[in-house]
Each structure stands twice: as structure tokens, then as C-alpha cells.
């Protein structure tokens, strides 16, 4: 099983823009990194694509607007 740091998810979103819904973002993450990939951060390990989205949303890294699309509010930590 492949493990990817969450920063790579933020980088992917930043490179592709803010046109994602929650569902299309999940699909893009799975398509880009693979279905069996898990994600980790400084404080959490073993997250699925859905969980990494929830994690970053809860940390204020991005939010979904009233239209259901990602709104860029990226605050990528630098380490």
C-alpha cells in the first residue's frame, strides 16, 4: 500500500484549481494517487481520500462554497 503525505493532495488541488465538488475532488485524488493509497499528515496516518478531504477541511486548508465547490484558502504548512 502506498502512503502519500497530505501536502501532495494540497499541491494537486492548487495545480488544478478550485472547480472541484467534494465528489469530484475525491475522484481526482483516487485517479491521481491510486485507490489503495493512504494519506498521512504531521498528526494523522492511514487516511483514505475521503478522510484526507475531511481532515484538511477541518484544518481550514480549504473549504467548500455555497455552490459545493472548493474555495481556495490554502494554508500549506512549510516543513
PDB file of N, CA and C in Angstrom:
ATOM      1  N   UNK A   1       0.838  -1.180   0.000  1.00  0.00           N
ATOM      2  CA  UNK A   1       0.000   0.000   0.000  1.00  0.00           C
ATOM      3  C   UNK A   1       0.886   1.248   0.000  1.00  0.00           C
ATOM      4  N   UNK A   2       0.562   2.147  -0.852  1.00  0.00           N
ATOM      5  CA  UNK A   2       1.317   3.385  -0.994  1.00  0.00           C
ATOM      6  C   UNK A   2       0.820   4.418   0.020  1.00  0.00           C
ATOM      7  N   UNK A   3       1.756   5.147   0.631  1.00  0.00           N
ATOM      8  CA  UNK A   3       1.413   6.229   1.537  1.00  0.00           C
ATOM      9  C   UNK A   3       1.928   7.546   0.963  1.00  0.00           C
ATOM     10  N   UNK A   4       1.087   8.558   1.006  1.00  0.00           N
ATOM     11  CA  UNK A   4       1.409   9.856   0.430  1.00  0.00           C
ATOM     12  C   UNK A   4       1.145  10.924   1.488  1.00  0.00           C
ATOM     13  N   UNK A   5       2.071  11.877   1.605  1.00  0.00           N
ATOM     14  CA  UNK A   5       1.866  12.987   2.538  1.00  0.00           C
ATOM     15  C   UNK A   5       0.742  13.876   2.018  1.00  0.00           C
ATOM     16  N   UNK A   6      -0.057  14.365   2.915  1.00  0.00           N
ATOM     17  CA  UNK A   6      -1.169  15.231   2.562  1.00  0.00           C
ATOM     18  C   UNK A   6      -0.781  16.471   1.787  1.00  0.00           C
ATOM     19  N   UNK A   7       0.450  16.945   1.955  1.00  0.00           N
ATOM     20  CA  UNK A   7       0.914  18.101   1.181  1.00  0.00           C
ATOM     21  C   UNK A   7       0.762  17.857  -0.315  1.00  0.00           C
ATOM     22  N   UNK A   8       0.935  16.612  -0.729  1.00  0.00           N
ATOM     23  CA  UNK A   8       0.806  16.305  -2.158  1.00  0.00           C
ATOM     24  C   UNK A   8      -0.633  16.480  -2.629  1.00  0.00           C
ATOM     25  N   UNK A   9      -1.595  16.244  -1.759  1.00  0.00           N
ATOM     26  CA  UNK A   9      -3.004  16.477  -2.097  1.00  0.00           C
ATOM     27  C   UNK A   9      -3.244  17.974  -2.257  1.00  0.00           C
ATOM     28  N   UNK A  10      -2.734  18.773  -1.320  1.00  0.00           N
ATOM     29  CA  UNK A  10      -2.869  20.227  -1.429  1.00  0.00           C
ATOM     30  C   UNK A  10      -2.210  20.727  -2.711  1.00  0.00           C
ATOM     31  N   UNK A  11      -1.017  20.224  -3.018  1.00  0.00           N
ATOM     32  CA  UNK A  11      -0.318  20.628  -4.244  1.00  0.00           C
ATOM     33  C   UNK A  11      -1.139  20.281  -5.481  1.00  0.00           C
ATOM     34  N   UNK A  12      -1.762  19.105  -5.471  1.00  0.00           N
ATOM     35  CA  UNK A  12      -2.597  18.687  -6.606  1.00  0.00           C
ATOM     36  C   UNK A  12      -3.765  19.645  -6.785  1.00  0.00           C
ATOM     37  N   UNK A  13      -4.457  19.954  -5.704  1.00  0.00           N
ATOM     38  CA  UNK A  13      -5.604  20.859  -5.786  1.00  0.00           C
ATOM     39  C   UNK A  13      -5.169  22.228  -6.277  1.00  0.00           C
ATOM     40  N   UNK A  14      -4.054  22.726  -5.752  1.00  0.00           N
ATOM     41  CA  UNK A  14      -3.565  24.042  -6.162  1.00  0.00           C
ATOM     42  C   UNK A  14      -3.207  24.065  -7.642  1.00  0.00           C
ATOM     43  N   UNK A  15      -2.674  22.961  -8.139  1.00  0.00           N
ATOM     44  CA  UNK A  15      -2.274  22.925  -9.547  1.00  0.00           C
ATOM     45  C   UNK A  15      -3.460  22.831 -10.497  1.00  0.00           C
ATOM     46  N   UNK A  16      -4.577  22.300 -10.008  1.00  0.00           N
ATOM     47  CA  UNK A  16      -5.734  22.078 -10.871  1.00  0.00           C
ATOM     48  C   UNK A  16      -6.837  23.110 -10.701  1.00  0.00           C
ATOM     49  N   UNK A  17      -6.759  23.929  -9.671  1.00  0.00           N
ATOM     50  CA  UNK A  17      -7.757  24.973  -9.473  1.00  0.00           C
ATOM     51  C   UNK A  17      -8.857  24.566  -8.514  1.00  0.00           C
ATOM     52  N   UNK A  18      -9.861  25.433  -8.417  1.00  0.00           N
ATOM     53  CA  UNK A  18     -10.895  25.248  -7.406  1.00  0.00           C
ATOM     54  C   UNK A  18     -12.248  24.869  -8.001  1.00  0.00           C
ATOM     55  N   UNK A  19     -12.249  24.078  -9.038  1.00  0.00           N
ATOM     56  CA  UNK A  19     -13.513  23.723  -9.679  1.00  0.00           C
ATOM     57  C   UNK A  19     -14.089  22.404  -9.182  1.00  0.00           C
ATOM     58  N   UNK A  20     -13.537  21.862  -8.108  1.00  0.00           N
ATOM     59  CA  UNK A  20     -13.961  20.559  -7.624  1.00  0.00           C
ATOM     60  C   UNK A  20     -15.133  20.627  -6.661  1.00  0.00           C
ATOM     61  N   UNK A  21     -16.047  19.659  -6.801  1.00  0.00           N
ATOM     62  CA  UNK A  21     -17.004  19.378  -5.750  1.00  0.00           C
ATOM     63  C   UNK A  21     -16.335  18.358  -4.838  1.00  0.00           C
ATOM     64  N   UNK A  22     -16.945  18.056  -3.729  1.00  0.00           N
ATOM     65  CA  UNK A  22     -16.378  17.053  -2.823  1.00  0.00           C
ATOM     66  C   UNK A  22     -16.198  15.709  -3.559  1.00  0.00           C
ATOM     67  N   UNK A  23     -17.204  15.327  -4.326  1.00  0.00           N
ATOM     68  CA  UNK A  23     -17.147  14.049  -5.031  1.00  0.00           C
ATOM     69  C   UNK A  23     -16.098  14.048  -6.140  1.00  0.00           C
ATOM     70  N   UNK A  24     -16.029  15.126  -6.905  1.00  0.00           N
ATOM     71  CA  UNK A  24     -15.046  15.162  -7.993  1.00  0.00           C
ATOM     72  C   UNK A  24     -13.625  15.293  -7.446  1.00  0.00           C
ATOM     73  N   UNK A  25     -13.473  15.935  -6.286  1.00  0.00           N
ATOM     74  CA  UNK A  25     -12.163  16.010  -5.654  1.00  0.00           C
ATOM     75  C   UNK A  25     -11.714  14.627  -5.206  1.00  0.00           C
ATOM     76  N   UNK A  26     -12.610  13.883  -4.586  1.00  0.00           N
ATOM     77  CA  UNK A  26     -12.285  12.522  -4.175  1.00  0.00           C
ATOM     78  C   UNK A  26     -11.881  11.688  -5.385  1.00  0.00           C
ATOM     79  N   UNK A  27     -12.652  11.789  -6.461  1.00  0.00           N
ATOM     80  CA  UNK A  27     -12.337  11.031  -7.682  1.00  0.00           C
ATOM     81  C   UNK A  27     -10.973  11.409  -8.229  1.00  0.00           C
ATOM     82  N   UNK A  28     -10.646  12.697  -8.236  1.00  0.00           N
ATOM     83  CA  UNK A  28      -9.347  13.152  -8.750  1.00  0.00           C
ATOM     84  C   UNK A  28      -8.210  12.630  -7.885  1.00  0.00           C
ATOM     85  N   UNK A  29      -8.384  12.661  -6.574  1.00  0.00           N
ATOM     86  CA  UNK A  29      -7.355  12.141  -5.669  1.00  0.00           C
ATOM     87  C   UNK A  29      -7.127  10.666  -5.921  1.00  0.00           C
ATOM     88  N   UNK A  30      -8.210   9.895  -6.033  1.00  0.00           N
ATOM     89  CA  UNK A  30      -8.091   8.452  -6.280  1.00  0.00           C
ATOM     90  C   UNK A  30      -7.468   8.190  -7.647  1.00  0.00           C
ATOM     91  N   UNK A  31      -7.897   8.919  -8.666  1.00  0.00           N
ATOM     92  CA  UNK A  31      -7.334   8.730 -10.007  1.00  0.00           C
ATOM     93  C   UNK A  31      -5.846   9.080 -10.044  1.00  0.00           C
ATOM     94  N   UNK A  32      -5.466  10.125  -9.338  1.00  0.00           N
ATOM     95  CA  UNK A  32      -4.078  10.590  -9.367  1.00  0.00           C
ATOM     96  C   UNK A  32      -3.144   9.705  -8.535  1.00  0.00           C
ATOM     97  N   UNK A  33      -3.588   9.350  -7.333  1.00  0.00           N
ATOM     98  CA  UNK A  33      -2.709   8.637  -6.410  1.00  0.00           C
ATOM     99  C   UNK A  33      -2.972   7.129  -6.340  1.00  0.00           C
ATOM    100  N   UNK A  34      -4.150   6.701  -6.757  1.00  0.00           N
ATOM    101  CA  UNK A  34      -4.480   5.282  -6.721  1.00  0.00           C
ATOM    102  C   UNK A  34      -5.478   4.942  -5.629  1.00  0.00           C
ATOM    103  N   UNK A  35      -6.304   3.968  -5.894  1.00  0.00           N
ATOM    104  CA  UNK A  35      -7.378   3.564  -4.975  1.00  0.00           C
ATOM    105  C   UNK A  35      -6.851   3.081  -3.632  1.00  0.00           C
ATOM    106  N   UNK A  36      -5.720   2.394  -3.625  1.00  0.00           N
ATOM    107  CA  UNK A  36      -5.193   1.802  -2.391  1.00  0.00           C
ATOM    108  C   UNK A  36      -4.259   2.724  -1.609  1.00  0.00           C
ATOM    109  N   UNK A  37      -4.072   3.947  -2.081  1.00  0.00           N
ATOM    110  CA  UNK A  37      -3.177   4.886  -1.407  1.00  0.00           C
ATOM    111  C   UNK A  37      -3.814   5.379  -0.118  1.00  0.00           C
ATOM    112  N   UNK A  38      -2.991   5.476   0.924  1.00  0.00           N
ATOM    113  CA  UNK A  38      -3.429   6.136   2.153  1.00  0.00           C
ATOM    114  C   UNK A  38      -2.608   7.407   2.316  1.00  0.00           C
ATOM    115  N   UNK A  39      -3.119   8.302   3.125  1.00  0.00           N
ATOM    116  CA  UNK A  39      -2.514   9.615   3.280  1.00  0.00           C
ATOM    117  C   UNK A  39      -2.159   9.852   4.735  1.00  0.00           C
ATOM    118  N   UNK A  40      -1.112  10.642   4.937  1.00  0.00           N
ATOM    119  CA  UNK A  40      -0.692  10.971   6.292  1.00  0.00           C
ATOM    120  C   UNK A  40      -0.365  12.444   6.385  1.00  0.00           C
ATOM    121  N   UNK A  41      -0.374  12.931   7.629  1.00  0.00           N
ATOM    122  CA  UNK A  41      -0.002  14.316   7.907  1.00  0.00           C
ATOM    123  C   UNK A  41       0.928  14.293   9.107  1.00  0.00           C
ATOM    124  N   UNK A  42       1.216  15.455   9.612  1.00  0.00           N
ATOM    125  CA  UNK A  42       2.076  15.550  10.793  1.00  0.00           C
ATOM    126  C   UNK A  42       1.441  14.869  11.999  1.00  0.00           C
ATOM    127  N   UNK A  43       0.108  14.804  12.020  1.00  0.00           N
ATOM    128  CA  UNK A  43      -0.587  14.300  13.201  1.00  0.00           C
ATOM    129  C   UNK A  43      -1.466  13.082  12.970  1.00  0.00           C
ATOM    130  N   UNK A  44      -1.666  12.674  11.725  1.00  0.00           N
ATOM    131  CA  UNK A  44      -2.595  11.595  11.417  1.00  0.00           C
ATOM    132  C   UNK A  44      -2.012  10.705  10.328  1.00  0.00           C
ATOM    133  N   UNK A  45      -2.268   9.416  10.443  1.00  0.00           N
ATOM    134  CA  UNK A  45      -1.802   8.466   9.425  1.00  0.00           C
ATOM    135  C   UNK A  45      -2.960   7.577   8.987  1.00  0.00           C
ATOM    136  N   UNK A  46      -2.802   6.974   7.818  1.00  0.00           N
ATOM    137  CA  UNK A  46      -3.749   5.976   7.336  1.00  0.00           C
ATOM    138  C   UNK A  46      -5.077   6.517   6.846  1.00  0.00           C
ATOM    139  N   UNK A  47      -5.108   7.762   6.382  1.00  0.00           N
ATOM    140  CA  UNK A  47      -6.364   8.351   5.919  1.00  0.00           C
ATOM    141  C   UNK A  47      -6.692   7.900   4.497  1.00  0.00           C
ATOM    142  N   UNK A  48      -7.981   7.706   4.243  1.00  0.00           N
ATOM    143  CA  UNK A  48      -8.475   7.459   2.892  1.00  0.00           C
ATOM    144  C   UNK A  48      -8.601   8.804   2.175  1.00  0.00           C
ATOM    145  N   UNK A  49      -8.971   8.773   0.899  1.00  0.00           N
ATOM    146  CA  UNK A  49      -9.193  10.018   0.153  1.00  0.00           C
ATOM    147  C   UNK A  49     -10.285  10.852   0.824  1.00  0.00           C
ATOM    148  N   UNK A  50     -11.382  10.218   1.222  1.00  0.00           N
ATOM    149  CA  UNK A  50     -12.460  10.951   1.892  1.00  0.00           C
ATOM    150  C   UNK A  50     -11.989  11.545   3.210  1.00  0.00           C
ATOM    151  N   UNK A  51     -11.216  10.776   3.948  1.00  0.00           N
ATOM    152  CA  UNK A  51     -10.731  11.256   5.245  1.00  0.00           C
ATOM    153  C   UNK A  51      -9.737  12.393   5.112  1.00  0.00           C
ATOM    154  N   UNK A  52      -8.873  12.354   4.095  1.00  0.00           N
ATOM    155  CA  UNK A  52      -7.907  13.452   3.925  1.00  0.00           C
ATOM    156  C   UNK A  52      -8.639  14.735   3.530  1.00  0.00           C
ATOM    157  N   UNK A  53      -9.709  14.617   2.758  1.00  0.00           N
ATOM    158  CA  UNK A  53     -10.518  15.792   2.422  1.00  0.00           C
ATOM    159  C   UNK A  53     -11.132  16.370   3.693  1.00  0.00           C
ATOM    160  N   UNK A  54     -11.740  15.527   4.503  1.00  0.00           N
ATOM    161  CA  UNK A  54     -12.346  15.985   5.764  1.00  0.00           C
ATOM    162  C   UNK A  54     -11.297  16.586   6.695  1.00  0.00           C
ATOM    163  N   UNK A  55     -10.133  15.950   6.762  1.00  0.00           N
ATOM    164  CA  UNK A  55      -9.055  16.431   7.621  1.00  0.00           C
ATOM    165  C   UNK A  55      -8.638  17.843   7.230  1.00  0.00           C
ATOM    166  N   UNK A  56      -8.355  18.055   5.943  1.00  0.00           N
ATOM    167  CA  UNK A  56      -7.913  19.378   5.511  1.00  0.00           C
ATOM    168  C   UNK A  56      -9.020  20.414   5.613  1.00  0.00           C
ATOM    169  N   UNK A  57     -10.240  20.011   5.372  1.00  0.00           N
ATOM    170  CA  UNK A  57     -11.349  20.943   5.541  1.00  0.00           C
ATOM    171  C   UNK A  57     -11.452  21.365   7.016  1.00  0.00           C
ATOM    172  N   UNK A  58     -11.307  20.421   7.932  1.00  0.00           N
ATOM    173  CA  UNK A  58     -11.399  20.735   9.365  1.00  0.00           C
ATOM    174  C   UNK A  58     -10.242  21.613   9.832  1.00  0.00           C
ATOM    175  N   UNK A  59      -9.102  21.542   9.133  1.00  0.00           N
ATOM    176  CA  UNK A  59      -7.930  22.349   9.478  1.00  0.00           C
ATOM    177  C   UNK A  59      -7.923  23.705   8.775  1.00  0.00           C
ATOM    178  N   UNK A  60      -8.944  23.974   7.950  1.00  0.00           N
ATOM    179  CA  UNK A  60      -9.027  25.259   7.264  1.00  0.00           C
ATOM    180  C   UNK A  60      -8.118  25.376   6.060  1.00  0.00           C
ATOM    181  N   UNK A  61      -7.638  24.254   5.540  1.00  0.00           N
ATOM    182  CA  UNK A  61      -6.753  24.292   4.371  1.00  0.00           C
ATOM    183  C   UNK A  61      -7.531  24.659   3.115  1.00  0.00           C
ATOM    184  N   UNK A  62      -8.801  24.283   3.075  1.00  0.00           N
ATOM    185  CA  UNK A  62      -9.722  24.708   2.033  1.00  0.00           C
ATOM    186  C   UNK A  62     -11.130  24.528   2.565  1.00  0.00           C
ATOM    187  N   UNK A  63     -12.086  25.102   1.860  1.00  0.00           N
ATOM    188  CA  UNK A  63     -13.482  24.983   2.252  1.00  0.00           C
ATOM    189  C   UNK A  63     -14.314  24.810   0.991  1.00  0.00           C
ATOM    190  N   UNK A  64     -15.512  24.331   1.178  1.00  0.00           N
ATOM    191  CA  UNK A  64     -16.454  24.220   0.072  1.00  0.00           C
ATOM    192  C   UNK A  64     -17.431  25.373   0.159  1.00  0.00           C
ATOM    193  N   UNK A  65     -17.619  26.060  -0.968  1.00  0.00           N
ATOM    194  CA  UNK A  65     -18.514  27.208  -1.012  1.00  0.00           C
ATOM    195  C   UNK A  65     -19.969  26.800  -1.047  1.00  0.00           C
ATOM    196  N   UNK A  66     -20.848  27.783  -1.088  1.00  0.00           N
ATOM    197  CA  UNK A  66     -22.283  27.522  -1.148  1.00  0.00           C
ATOM    198  C   UNK A  66     -22.667  26.725  -2.380  1.00  0.00           C
ATOM    199  N   UNK A  67     -21.891  26.858  -3.440  1.00  0.00           N
ATOM    200  CA  UNK A  67     -22.170  26.110  -4.663  1.00  0.00           C
ATOM    201  C   UNK A  67     -21.600  24.689  -4.610  1.00  0.00           C
ATOM    202  N   UNK A  68     -20.980  24.325  -3.478  1.00  0.00           N
ATOM    203  CA  UNK A  68     -20.452  22.970  -3.316  1.00  0.00           C
ATOM    204  C   UNK A  68     -19.070  22.762  -3.889  1.00  0.00           C
ATOM    205  N   UNK A  69     -18.447  23.828  -4.376  1.00  0.00           N
ATOM    206  CA  UNK A  69     -17.120  23.710  -4.981  1.00  0.00           C
ATOM    207  C   UNK A  69     -16.041  24.207  -4.026  1.00  0.00           C
ATOM    208  N   UNK A  70     -14.838  23.649  -4.199  1.00  0.00           N
ATOM    209  CA  UNK A  70     -13.699  24.041  -3.380  1.00  0.00           C
ATOM    210  C   UNK A  70     -13.429  25.522  -3.560  1.00  0.00           C
ATOM    211  N   UNK A  71     -13.197  26.198  -2.459  1.00  0.00           N
ATOM    212  CA  UNK A  71     -12.771  27.589  -2.480  1.00  0.00           C
ATOM    213  C   UNK A  71     -11.344  27.632  -1.985  1.00  0.00           C
ATOM    214  N   UNK A  72     -10.481  28.204  -2.771  1.00  0.00           N
ATOM    215  CA  UNK A  72      -9.053  28.232  -2.430  1.00  0.00           C
ATOM    216  C   UNK A  72      -8.833  29.047  -1.164  1.00  0.00           C
ATOM    217  N   UNK A  73      -8.348  28.385  -0.150  1.00  0.00           N
ATOM    218  CA  UNK A  73      -7.954  29.036   1.098  1.00  0.00           C
ATOM    219  C   UNK A  73      -6.780  28.245   1.640  1.00  0.00           C
ATOM    220  N   UNK A  74      -5.855  27.931   0.765  1.00  0.00           N
ATOM    221  CA  UNK A  74      -4.776  27.010   1.093  1.00  0.00           C
ATOM    222  C   UNK A  74      -3.794  27.622   2.057  1.00  0.00           C
ATOM    223  N   UNK A  75      -3.518  26.883   3.085  1.00  0.00           N
ATOM    224  CA  UNK A  75      -2.551  27.300   4.083  1.00  0.00           C
ATOM    225  C   UNK A  75      -1.607  26.127   4.300  1.00  0.00           C
ATOM    226  N   UNK A  76      -0.815  25.836   3.321  1.00  0.00           N
ATOM    227  CA  UNK A  76       0.090  24.686   3.373  1.00  0.00           C
ATOM    228  C   UNK A  76       1.202  24.978   4.368  1.00  0.00           C
ATOM    229  N   UNK A  77       1.386  24.075   5.330  1.00  0.00           N
ATOM    230  CA  UNK A  77       2.492  24.267   6.261  1.00  0.00           C
ATOM    231  C   UNK A  77       3.803  23.981   5.548  1.00  0.00           C
ATOM    232  N   UNK A  78       4.864  24.593   6.000  1.00  0.00           N
ATOM    233  CA  UNK A  78       6.153  24.516   5.317  1.00  0.00           C
ATOM    234  C   UNK A  78       7.166  23.686   6.112  1.00  0.00           C
ATOM    235  N   UNK A  79       7.068  22.385   5.971  1.00  0.00           N
ATOM    236  CA  UNK A  79       8.063  21.512   6.594  1.00  0.00           C
ATOM    237  C   UNK A  79       8.228  20.269   5.782  1.00  0.00           C
TER     238      UNK A  79
END
